[in-house]
C-alpha atoms as a PDB file:
ATOM      1  CA  MET A   1       0.000   0.000   0.000  1.00  0.00           C
ATOM      2  CA  ARG A   2       1.375   3.371  -0.983  1.00  0.00           C
ATOM      3  CA  SER A   3       0.869   6.614   0.842  1.00  0.00           C
ATOM      4  CA  SER A   4      -1.565   9.000  -0.806  1.00  0.00           C
ATOM      5  CA  ASN A   5       0.649  11.899   0.121  1.00  0.00           C
ATOM      6  CA  PRO A   6       1.746  13.193  -3.303  1.00  0.00           C
ATOM      7  CA  VAL A   7       5.284  13.565  -2.052  1.00  0.00           C
ATOM      8  CA  PHE A   8       5.529   9.929  -1.039  1.00  0.00           C
ATOM      9  CA  SER A   9       3.356   8.489  -3.803  1.00  0.00           C
ATOM     10  CA  ARG A  10       6.216   6.258  -4.883  1.00  0.00           C
ATOM     11  CA  ARG A  11       7.497   5.644  -1.396  1.00  0.00           C
ATOM     12  CA  GLY A  12       5.204   4.393   1.375  1.00  0.00           C
ATOM     13  CA  PHE A  13       4.247   0.765   1.814  1.00  0.00           C
ATOM     14  CA  SER A  14       5.231  -2.118  -0.410  1.00  0.00           C
ATOM     15  CA  ARG A  15       2.883  -4.877  -1.432  1.00  0.00           C
ATOM     16  CA  ASP A  16       4.500  -7.433   0.841  1.00  0.00           C
ATOM     17  CA  ASN A  17       4.353  -7.513   4.608  1.00  0.00           C
ATOM     18  CA  GLY A  18       7.285  -5.186   5.069  1.00  0.00           C
ATOM     19  CA  TYR A  19       7.388  -1.441   5.326  1.00  0.00           C
ATOM     20  CA  ALA A  20       8.881   0.258   2.313  1.00  0.00           C
ATOM     21  CA  GLY A  21      10.412   3.343   3.879  1.00  0.00           C
ATOM     22  CA  PHE A  22      11.417   6.193   1.577  1.00  0.00           C
ATOM     23  CA  ASN A  23      11.390   3.907  -1.441  1.00  0.00           C
ATOM     24  CA  THR A  24      10.599   0.222  -1.863  1.00  0.00           C
ATOM     25  CA  ALA A  25      13.146  -1.005   0.668  1.00  0.00           C
ATOM     26  CA  ALA A  26      12.235  -3.648   3.231  1.00  0.00           C
ATOM     27  CA  GLN A  27      11.680  -2.602   6.823  1.00  0.00           C
ATOM     28  CA  ALA A  28      14.580  -4.521   8.292  1.00  0.00           C
ATOM     29  CA  GLY A  29      14.772  -4.602  12.063  1.00  0.00           C
ATOM     30  CA  TYR A  30      11.510  -2.742  12.701  1.00  0.00           C
ATOM     31  CA  ALA A  31       9.158  -5.639  13.273  1.00  0.00           C
ATOM     32  CA  GLN A  32       9.364  -9.336  13.932  1.00  0.00           C
ATOM     33  CA  GLY A  33       8.512 -11.524  11.005  1.00  0.00           C
ATOM     34  CA  ASN A  34      10.007  -9.108   8.506  1.00  0.00           C
ATOM     35  CA  PRO A  35      11.007 -11.289   5.538  1.00  0.00           C
ATOM     36  CA  TYR A  36      14.129  -9.182   5.029  1.00  0.00           C
ATOM     37  CA  ALA A  37      15.255  -9.020   8.648  1.00  0.00           C
ATOM     38  CA  GLN A  38      18.123 -11.442   8.081  1.00  0.00           C
ATOM     39  CA  ASN A  39      19.374  -9.456   5.135  1.00  0.00           C
ATOM     40  CA  PRO A  40      18.803  -5.806   6.036  1.00  0.00           C
ATOM     41  CA  TYR A  41      19.938  -4.416   2.700  1.00  0.00           C
ATOM     42  CA  ALA A  42      18.436  -7.063   0.412  1.00  0.00           C
ATOM     43  CA  GLN A  43      16.195  -4.442  -1.191  1.00  0.00           C
ATOM     44  CA  ASN A  44      17.964  -1.329  -0.009  1.00  0.00           C
ATOM     45  CA  PRO A  45      17.219   1.320  -2.663  1.00  0.00           C
ATOM     46  CA  TYR A  46      20.485   3.065  -1.830  1.00  0.00           C
ATOM     47  CA  ALA A  47      22.723  -0.019  -1.788  1.00  0.00           C
ATOM     48  CA  GLN A  48      23.831   0.630  -5.349  1.00  0.00           C
ATOM     49  CA  GLN A  49      24.951   4.042  -4.223  1.00  0.00           C
ATOM     50  CA  GLY A  50      27.369   2.451  -1.785  1.00  0.00           C
ATOM     51  CA  VAL A  51      25.158   2.638   1.281  1.00  0.00           C
ATOM     52  CA  GLN A  52      24.578  -0.790   2.814  1.00  0.00           C
ATOM     53  CA  TYR A  53      22.810  -1.032   6.121  1.00  0.00           C
ATOM     54  CA  GLY A  54      24.306  -3.231   8.758  1.00  0.00           C
ATOM     55  CA  ALA A  55      27.795  -2.687   7.345  1.00  0.00           C
ATOM     56  CA  PRO A  56      30.242   0.116   8.177  1.00  0.00           C
ATOM     57  CA  PRO A  57      29.558   2.884   5.641  1.00  0.00           C
ATOM     58  CA  GLN A  58      32.224   4.254   3.382  1.00  0.00           C
ATOM     59  CA  ALA A  59      33.488   7.647   4.474  1.00  0.00           C
ATOM     60  CA  PRO A  60      32.031   9.573   1.486  1.00  0.00           C
ATOM     61  CA  ALA A  61      28.600   8.005   2.058  1.00  0.00           C
ATOM     62  CA  THR A  62      28.316   9.289   5.624  1.00  0.00           C
ATOM     63  CA  THR A  63      28.765  12.889   4.566  1.00  0.00           C
ATOM     64  CA  ASP A  64      25.703  13.005   2.341  1.00  0.00           C
ATOM     65  CA  ARG A  65      23.085  11.114   4.328  1.00  0.00           C
ATOM     66  CA  MET A  66      19.832  12.643   5.427  1.00  0.00           C
ATOM     67  CA  THR A  67      19.634  13.560   9.108  1.00  0.00           C
ATOM     68  CA  MET A  68      16.837  14.820  11.312  1.00  0.00           C
ATOM     69  CA  ASP A  69      18.520  18.230  11.331  1.00  0.00           C
ATOM     70  CA  ASP A  70      18.239  18.300   7.532  1.00  0.00           C
ATOM     71  CA  VAL A  71      14.532  17.497   7.710  1.00  0.00           C
ATOM     72  CA  VAL A  72      13.927  20.138  10.378  1.00  0.00           C
ATOM     73  CA  MET A  73      15.809  22.841   8.457  1.00  0.00           C
ATOM     74  CA  ARG A  74      14.091  22.092   5.127  1.00  0.00           C
ATOM     75  CA  SER A  75      10.707  21.895   6.813  1.00  0.00           C
ATOM     76  CA  ALA A  76      11.292  25.230   8.540  1.00  0.00           C
ATOM     77  CA  LEU A  77      12.271  26.808   5.222  1.00  0.00           C
ATOM     78  CA  THR A  78       9.279  25.386   3.368  1.00  0.00           C
ATOM     79  CA  LEU A  79       6.757  26.240   6.072  1.00  0.00           C
ATOM     80  CA  GLY A  80       8.397  29.645   6.469  1.00  0.00           C
ATOM     81  CA  THR A  81       7.827  30.287   2.763  1.00  0.00           C
ATOM     82  CA  VAL A  82       4.159  29.355   3.208  1.00  0.00           C
ATOM     83  CA  ALA A  83       3.899  31.744   6.140  1.00  0.00           C
ATOM     84  CA  VAL A  84       5.570  34.639   4.273  1.00  0.00           C
ATOM     85  CA  GLY A  85       3.314  34.122   1.257  1.00  0.00           C
ATOM     86  CA  ALA A  86       0.249  34.052   3.517  1.00  0.00           C
ATOM     87  CA  VAL A  87       1.222  37.233   5.380  1.00  0.00           C
ATOM     88  CA  LEU A  88       1.946  39.127   2.149  1.00  0.00           C
ATOM     89  CA  ALA A  89      -1.353  38.013   0.619  1.00  0.00           C
ATOM     90  CA  TRP A  90      -3.230  39.020   3.775  1.00  0.00           C
ATOM     91  CA  VAL A  91      -1.641  42.483   3.833  1.00  0.00           C
ATOM     92  CA  LEU A  92      -1.598  43.262   0.113  1.00  0.00           C
ATOM     93  CA  LEU A  93      -4.832  41.628  -1.107  1.00  0.00           C
ATOM     94  CA  PRO A  94      -7.977  43.041   0.508  1.00  0.00           C
ATOM     95  CA  VAL A  95     -11.075  40.846   0.419  1.00  0.00           C
ATOM     96  CA  SER A  96     -12.697  41.295  -2.984  1.00  0.00           C
ATOM     97  CA  ALA A  97     -13.694  39.406  -6.115  1.00  0.00           C
ATOM     98  CA  THR A  98     -10.162  39.949  -7.384  1.00  0.00           C
ATOM     99  CA  SER A  99      -8.597  38.346  -4.325  1.00  0.00           C
ATOM    100  CA  TYR A 100     -10.960  35.379  -4.737  1.00  0.00           C
ATOM    101  CA  GLY A 101      -9.684  34.894  -8.281  1.00  0.00           C
ATOM    102  CA  LEU A 102      -6.056  35.253  -7.217  1.00  0.00           C
ATOM    103  CA  ALA A 103      -6.538  32.720  -4.442  1.00  0.00           C
ATOM    104  CA  PHE A 104      -8.064  30.221  -6.876  1.00  0.00           C
ATOM    105  CA  GLY A 105      -5.247  30.797  -9.376  1.00  0.00           C
ATOM    106  CA  ALA A 106      -2.581  30.408  -6.684  1.00  0.00           C
ATOM    107  CA  ALA A 107      -4.171  27.158  -5.519  1.00  0.00           C
ATOM    108  CA  ILE A 108      -4.164  25.760  -9.068  1.00  0.00           C
ATOM    109  CA  ILE A 109      -0.511  26.720  -9.596  1.00  0.00           C
ATOM    110  CA  ALA A 110       0.465  25.200  -6.237  1.00  0.00           C
ATOM    111  CA  MET A 111      -1.352  21.982  -7.154  1.00  0.00           C
ATOM    112  CA  VAL A 112       0.405  21.788 -10.525  1.00  0.00           C
ATOM    113  CA  LEU A 113       3.826  22.387  -8.974  1.00  0.00           C
ATOM    114  CA  GLY A 114       3.088  19.764  -6.343  1.00  0.00           C
ATOM    115  CA  LEU A 115       2.061  17.203  -8.963  1.00  0.00           C
ATOM    116  CA  VAL A 116       5.138  17.917 -11.078  1.00  0.00           C
ATOM    117  CA  GLN A 117       7.370  17.368  -8.058  1.00  0.00           C
ATOM    118  CA  SER A 118       5.471  14.198  -7.207  1.00  0.00           C
ATOM    119  CA  PHE A 119       6.335  12.619 -10.549  1.00  0.00           C
ATOM    120  CA  LYS A 120       9.969  13.678 -10.509  1.00  0.00           C
ATOM    121  CA  ARG A 121      12.526  11.072  -9.475  1.00  0.00           C
ATOM    122  CA  THR A 122      14.555  13.619  -7.544  1.00  0.00           C
ATOM    123  CA  PRO A 123      13.454  16.530  -5.344  1.00  0.00           C
ATOM    124  CA  SER A 124      13.566  20.022  -6.784  1.00  0.00           C
ATOM    125  CA  PRO A 125      13.942  22.745  -4.132  1.00  0.00           C
ATOM    126  CA  ALA A 126      12.690  25.328  -6.653  1.00  0.00           C
ATOM    127  CA  LEU A 127       9.461  23.408  -7.247  1.00  0.00           C
ATOM    128  CA  ILE A 128       8.942  22.743  -3.554  1.00  0.00           C
ATOM    129  CA  LEU A 129       9.517  26.356  -2.529  1.00  0.00           C
ATOM    130  CA  GLY A 130       7.388  27.532  -5.462  1.00  0.00           C
ATOM    131  CA  TYR A 131       4.596  25.290  -4.250  1.00  0.00           C
ATOM    132  CA  ALA A 132       5.003  26.700  -0.735  1.00  0.00           C
ATOM    133  CA  ALA A 133       4.882  30.306  -1.964  1.00  0.00           C
ATOM    134  CA  PHE A 134       1.701  29.892  -4.019  1.00  0.00           C
ATOM    135  CA  GLU A 135       0.085  27.786  -1.317  1.00  0.00           C
ATOM    136  CA  GLY A 136       0.884  30.603   1.088  1.00  0.00           C
ATOM    137  CA  VAL A 137      -0.888  33.134  -1.148  1.00  0.00           C
ATOM    138  CA  PHE A 138      -3.955  30.897  -1.249  1.00  0.00           C
ATOM    139  CA  LEU A 139      -3.949  30.418   2.531  1.00  0.00           C
ATOM    140  CA  GLY A 140      -3.431  34.130   3.147  1.00  0.00           C
ATOM    141  CA  VAL A 141      -6.473  35.098   1.074  1.00  0.00           C
ATOM    142  CA  ILE A 142      -8.850  32.484   2.496  1.00  0.00           C
ATOM    143  CA  SER A 143      -7.610  33.211   6.017  1.00  0.00           C
ATOM    144  CA  GLU A 144      -8.417  36.883   5.558  1.00  0.00           C
ATOM    145  CA  ILE A 145     -11.845  35.972   4.181  1.00  0.00           C
ATOM    146  CA  TYR A 146     -12.590  33.798   7.207  1.00  0.00           C
ATOM    147  CA  ASN A 147     -11.211  36.417   9.579  1.00  0.00           C
ATOM    148  CA  SER A 148     -13.445  39.103   8.100  1.00  0.00           C
ATOM    149  CA  ARG A 149     -16.487  37.055   9.135  1.00  0.00           C
ATOM    150  CA  TRP A 150     -15.177  35.093  12.113  1.00  0.00           C
ATOM    151  CA  SER A 151     -12.639  37.300  13.820  1.00  0.00           C
ATOM    152  CA  GLY A 152      -9.652  35.369  15.124  1.00  0.00           C
ATOM    153  CA  ALA A 153     -10.483  32.174  13.239  1.00  0.00           C
ATOM    154  CA  PRO A 154      -7.084  31.933  11.479  1.00  0.00           C
ATOM    155  CA  PHE A 155      -5.188  32.297  14.756  1.00  0.00           C
ATOM    156  CA  GLN A 156      -7.311  29.589  16.372  1.00  0.00           C
ATOM    157  CA  ALA A 157      -6.808  27.375  13.304  1.00  0.00           C
ATOM    158  CA  VAL A 158      -3.031  27.777  13.548  1.00  0.00           C
ATOM    159  CA  LEU A 159      -3.113  26.803  17.219  1.00  0.00           C
ATOM    160  CA  GLY A 160      -5.351  23.854  16.390  1.00  0.00           C
ATOM    161  CA  THR A 161      -3.023  22.696  13.614  1.00  0.00           C
ATOM    162  CA  LEU A 162      -0.014  22.882  15.920  1.00  0.00           C
ATOM    163  CA  ALA A 163      -1.940  20.964  18.586  1.00  0.00           C
ATOM    164  CA  VAL A 164      -2.901  18.188  16.150  1.00  0.00           C
ATOM    165  CA  ALA A 165       0.635  17.925  14.752  1.00  0.00           C
ATOM    166  CA  GLY A 166       2.191  17.944  18.213  1.00  0.00           C
ATOM    167  CA  ALA A 167      -0.228  15.370  19.586  1.00  0.00           C
ATOM    168  CA  THR A 168       0.294  13.132  16.556  1.00  0.00           C
ATOM    169  CA  LEU A 169       4.063  13.291  16.946  1.00  0.00           C
ATOM    170  CA  LEU A 170       3.737  12.585  20.672  1.00  0.00           C
ATOM    171  CA  VAL A 171       1.612   9.463  20.263  1.00  0.00           C
ATOM    172  CA  TYR A 172       3.845   8.273  17.419  1.00  0.00           C
ATOM    173  CA  LYS A 173       7.083   8.687  19.372  1.00  0.00           C
ATOM    174  CA  ALA A 174       5.498   7.142  22.475  1.00  0.00           C
ATOM    175  CA  GLY A 175       4.705   4.044  20.435  1.00  0.00           C
ATOM    176  CA  TRP A 176       0.961   4.314  20.952  1.00  0.00           C
ATOM    177  CA  ILE A 177       0.557   4.123  17.176  1.00  0.00           C
ATOM    178  CA  ARG A 178       2.458   1.508  15.192  1.00  0.00           C
ATOM    179  CA  VAL A 179       2.708   2.319  11.523  1.00  0.00           C
ATOM    180  CA  THR A 180       2.366  -1.076   9.897  1.00  0.00           C
ATOM    181  CA  ALA A 181       1.170  -2.206   6.483  1.00  0.00           C
ATOM    182  CA  ARG A 182      -2.211  -3.193   7.973  1.00  0.00           C
ATOM    183  CA  TYR A 183      -2.528   0.207   9.662  1.00  0.00           C
ATOM    184  CA  ALA A 184      -1.798   1.900   6.348  1.00  0.00           C
ATOM    185  CA  ARG A 185      -4.244  -0.266   4.393  1.00  0.00           C
ATOM    186  CA  ILE A 186      -7.092   0.496   6.771  1.00  0.00           C
ATOM    187  CA  GLY A 187      -6.290   4.207   6.852  1.00  0.00           C
ATOM    188  CA  MET A 188      -5.935   4.408   3.080  1.00  0.00           C
ATOM    189  CA  ALA A 189      -9.253   2.616   2.559  1.00  0.00           C
ATOM    190  CA  ILE A 190     -10.965   5.171   4.795  1.00  0.00           C
ATOM    191  CA  ALA A 191      -9.182   8.048   3.050  1.00  0.00           C
ATOM    192  CA  ILE A 192     -10.171   6.840  -0.429  1.00  0.00           C
ATOM    193  CA  ALA A 193     -13.785   6.393   0.689  1.00  0.00           C
ATOM    194  CA  PHE A 194     -13.734   9.899   2.173  1.00  0.00           C
ATOM    195  CA  VAL A 195     -12.402  11.457  -1.032  1.00  0.00           C
ATOM    196  CA  LEU A 196     -14.975   9.627  -3.169  1.00  0.00           C
ATOM    197  CA  VAL A 197     -17.834  10.733  -0.914  1.00  0.00           C
ATOM    198  CA  MET A 198     -16.578  14.334  -1.007  1.00  0.00           C
ATOM    199  CA  ALA A 199     -16.337  14.198  -4.814  1.00  0.00           C
ATOM    200  CA  VAL A 200     -19.933  12.968  -5.080  1.00  0.00           C
ATOM    201  CA  ASN A 201     -21.016  15.643  -2.612  1.00  0.00           C
ATOM    202  CA  LEU A 202     -19.302  18.313  -4.718  1.00  0.00           C
ATOM    203  CA  LEU A 203     -21.159  17.145  -7.831  1.00  0.00           C
ATOM    204  CA  LEU A 204     -24.485  17.142  -5.995  1.00  0.00           C
ATOM    205  CA  VAL A 205     -23.861  20.684  -4.761  1.00  0.00           C
ATOM    206  CA  ALA A 206     -22.770  21.845  -8.222  1.00  0.00           C
ATOM    207  CA  PHE A 207     -25.974  20.515  -9.816  1.00  0.00           C
ATOM    208  CA  GLY A 208     -28.182  21.901  -7.081  1.00  0.00           C
ATOM    209  CA  VAL A 209     -29.198  18.529  -5.681  1.00  0.00           C
ATOM    210  CA  ALA A 210     -27.611  19.209  -2.284  1.00  0.00           C
ATOM    211  CA  GLU A 211     -28.125  22.598  -0.668  1.00  0.00           C
ATOM    212  CA  ASN A 212     -25.927  24.644   1.633  1.00  0.00           C
ATOM    213  CA  GLY A 213     -22.826  22.647   0.774  1.00  0.00           C
ATOM    214  CA  GLY A 214     -24.329  19.239   1.497  1.00  0.00           C
ATOM    215  CA  LEU A 215     -21.929  17.298   3.677  1.00  0.00           C
ATOM    216  CA  ARG A 216     -19.673  20.354   3.786  1.00  0.00           C
ATOM    217  CA  SER A 217     -22.294  22.589   5.316  1.00  0.00           C
ATOM    218  CA  MET A 218     -21.586  24.966   8.175  1.00  0.00           C
ATOM    219  CA  GLY A 219     -23.721  22.914  10.554  1.00  0.00           C
ATOM    220  CA  PRO A 220     -23.203  19.844  12.763  1.00  0.00           C
ATOM    221  CA  LEU A 221     -22.852  17.490   9.787  1.00  0.00           C
ATOM    222  CA  GLY A 222     -20.141  19.696   8.316  1.00  0.00           C
ATOM    223  CA  ALA A 223     -18.356  19.678  11.688  1.00  0.00           C
ATOM    224  CA  ILE A 224     -18.344  15.874  11.759  1.00  0.00           C
ATOM    225  CA  VAL A 225     -16.935  15.736   8.234  1.00  0.00           C
ATOM    226  CA  GLY A 226     -14.298  18.302   9.193  1.00  0.00           C
ATOM    227  CA  ILE A 227     -13.224  16.284  12.212  1.00  0.00           C
ATOM    228  CA  ILE A 228     -12.905  13.168  10.031  1.00  0.00           C
ATOM    229  CA  ALA A 229     -10.756  15.146   7.576  1.00  0.00           C
ATOM    230  CA  ILE A 230      -8.478  16.349  10.389  1.00  0.00           C
ATOM    231  CA  VAL A 231      -8.098  12.803  11.726  1.00  0.00           C
ATOM    232  CA  LEU A 232      -7.122  11.676   8.215  1.00  0.00           C
ATOM    233  CA  GLY A 233      -4.568  14.487   8.091  1.00  0.00           C
ATOM    234  CA  ALA A 234      -3.097  13.197  11.348  1.00  0.00           C
ATOM    235  CA  PHE A 235      -3.043   9.684   9.862  1.00  0.00           C
ATOM    236  CA  PHE A 236      -0.999  10.913   6.905  1.00  0.00           C
ATOM    237  CA  LEU A 237       1.363  12.672   9.309  1.00  0.00           C
ATOM    238  CA  THR A 238       2.085   9.338  10.996  1.00  0.00           C
ATOM    239  CA  LEU A 239       2.972   7.867   7.595  1.00  0.00           C
ATOM    240  CA  ASP A 240       5.289  10.811   7.003  1.00  0.00           C
ATOM    241  CA  PHE A 241       6.939  10.406  10.405  1.00  0.00           C
ATOM    242  CA  LYS A 242       7.572   6.736   9.719  1.00  0.00           C
ATOM    243  CA  GLN A 243       8.916   7.369   6.230  1.00  0.00           C
ATOM    244  CA  ILE A 244      11.250  10.068   7.537  1.00  0.00           C
ATOM    245  CA  GLU A 245      12.430   7.814  10.338  1.00  0.00           C
ATOM    246  CA  ASP A 246      13.073   4.944   7.937  1.00  0.00           C
ATOM    247  CA  GLY A 247      14.780   7.217   5.415  1.00  0.00           C
ATOM    248  CA  ILE A 248      17.242   8.344   8.073  1.00  0.00           C
ATOM    249  CA  ALA A 249      17.773   4.763   9.258  1.00  0.00           C
ATOM    250  CA  TYR A 250      18.376   3.553   5.707  1.00  0.00           C
ATOM    251  CA  GLY A 251      20.847   6.340   4.974  1.00  0.00           C
ATOM    252  CA  ALA A 252      18.754   8.135   2.366  1.00  0.00           C
ATOM    253  CA  PRO A 253      20.562  10.881   0.415  1.00  0.00           C
ATOM    254  CA  ARG A 254      20.468  14.299   2.036  1.00  0.00           C
ATOM    255  CA  ASN A 255      18.366  15.833  -0.745  1.00  0.00           C
ATOM    256  CA  GLU A 256      15.531  13.481   0.250  1.00  0.00           C
ATOM    257  CA  SER A 257      14.991  15.812   3.201  1.00  0.00           C
ATOM    258  CA  TRP A 258      13.347  18.204   0.738  1.00  0.00           C
ATOM    259  CA  LEU A 259      10.744  15.543  -0.003  1.00  0.00           C
ATOM    260  CA  ALA A 260      10.204  15.005   3.698  1.00  0.00           C
ATOM    261  CA  ALA A 261       9.672  18.747   4.194  1.00  0.00           C
ATOM    262  CA  PHE A 262       7.309  18.840   1.223  1.00  0.00           C
ATOM    263  CA  GLY A 263       5.230  15.953   2.566  1.00  0.00           C
ATOM    264  CA  LEU A 264       4.886  17.510   5.999  1.00  0.00           C
ATOM    265  CA  THR A 265       3.894  20.840   4.455  1.00  0.00           C
ATOM    266  CA  VAL A 266       1.199  19.263   2.295  1.00  0.00           C
ATOM    267  CA  ASN A 267      -0.377  17.558   5.295  1.00  0.00           C
ATOM    268  CA  LEU A 268      -0.122  20.554   7.606  1.00  0.00           C
ATOM    269  CA  VAL A 269      -1.828  22.724   4.987  1.00  0.00           C
ATOM    270  CA  TRP A 270      -4.593  20.108   4.737  1.00  0.00           C
ATOM    271  CA  ILE A 271      -5.095  20.149   8.501  1.00  0.00           C
ATOM    272  CA  TYR A 272      -5.017  23.962   8.688  1.00  0.00           C
ATOM    273  CA  VAL A 273      -7.696  24.409   6.022  1.00  0.00           C
ATOM    274  CA  GLU A 274      -9.970  21.872   7.711  1.00  0.00           C
ATOM    275  CA  MET A 275      -9.302  23.411  11.103  1.00  0.00           C
ATOM    276  CA  LEU A 276     -10.208  26.844   9.720  1.00  0.00           C
ATOM    277  CA  ARG A 277     -13.600  25.541   8.573  1.00  0.00           C
ATOM    278  CA  LEU A 278     -14.145  23.781  11.883  1.00  0.00           C
ATOM    279  CA  VAL A 279     -13.458  26.944  13.876  1.00  0.00           C
ATOM    280  CA  ALA A 280     -15.924  28.824  11.684  1.00  0.00           C
ATOM    281  CA  ILE A 281     -18.599  26.172  12.214  1.00  0.00           C
ATOM    282  CA  PHE A 282     -18.210  26.243  15.982  1.00  0.00           C
ATOM    283  CA  SER A 283     -18.242  30.052  15.924  1.00  0.00           C
ATOM    284  CA  ASN A 284     -21.573  29.943  14.067  1.00  0.00           C
ATOM    285  CA  ASN A 285     -23.048  27.797  16.801  1.00  0.00           C
ATOM    286  CA  ASP A 286     -21.976  30.080  19.641  1.00  0.00           C
END
């Protein structure tokens, strides 16, 4: 089973019982019964690059491996770009029909850049930062729109996003959640069902069959759907955490940290947007 995160669309889980890590490598040493446990680099995607796990690395190989510091720095840069784009859009683009159009255009460009990066074999910092910048413009405009009607909603959404991300990392590091192939299959099945239901709902709304947004209304039903979406965002974060952890353990190249940063950014944006809607719904009910 592969992760649906566009960044890790060719990484994620393999079709056997092992975890695939950053590529299609076996998850040696992470769980009992792993078919590759006795040969930890049998399917190591980086073995041909001179990195073999379980054996002393060559000196040149150790200087270009991904570390947690690399992931943190790239993630900070990518998320910082999103934040700068959002602040500039908020300040420079007052709420109007024009800003609506710019937000839609920025979202389309960000999606295209994200898809292009997803199909590239190697990470492109320019594409990733470009995605972050345009995504920031989109978030800045919609945040200002929400704030104009529900004062303080963006700030509450940011706090909520940080709380979800922090809690997810906490339960992952504490071992309360084990990211296994079965866990991923169940989560992915739910995620696919959710996306299909939302697509049908969008069509029903577009053709006037469902009113007031249907399942995405600003009432209790919309709140339930929003909570499900946030939980799915947290699920994808756990996949990202595991893939980052395995990438570091397998000695992935340092430039893979850009992909890790990209994946985290995609999921945090997802959670923020859903959190923004949820705050607005609860504010309506006050």
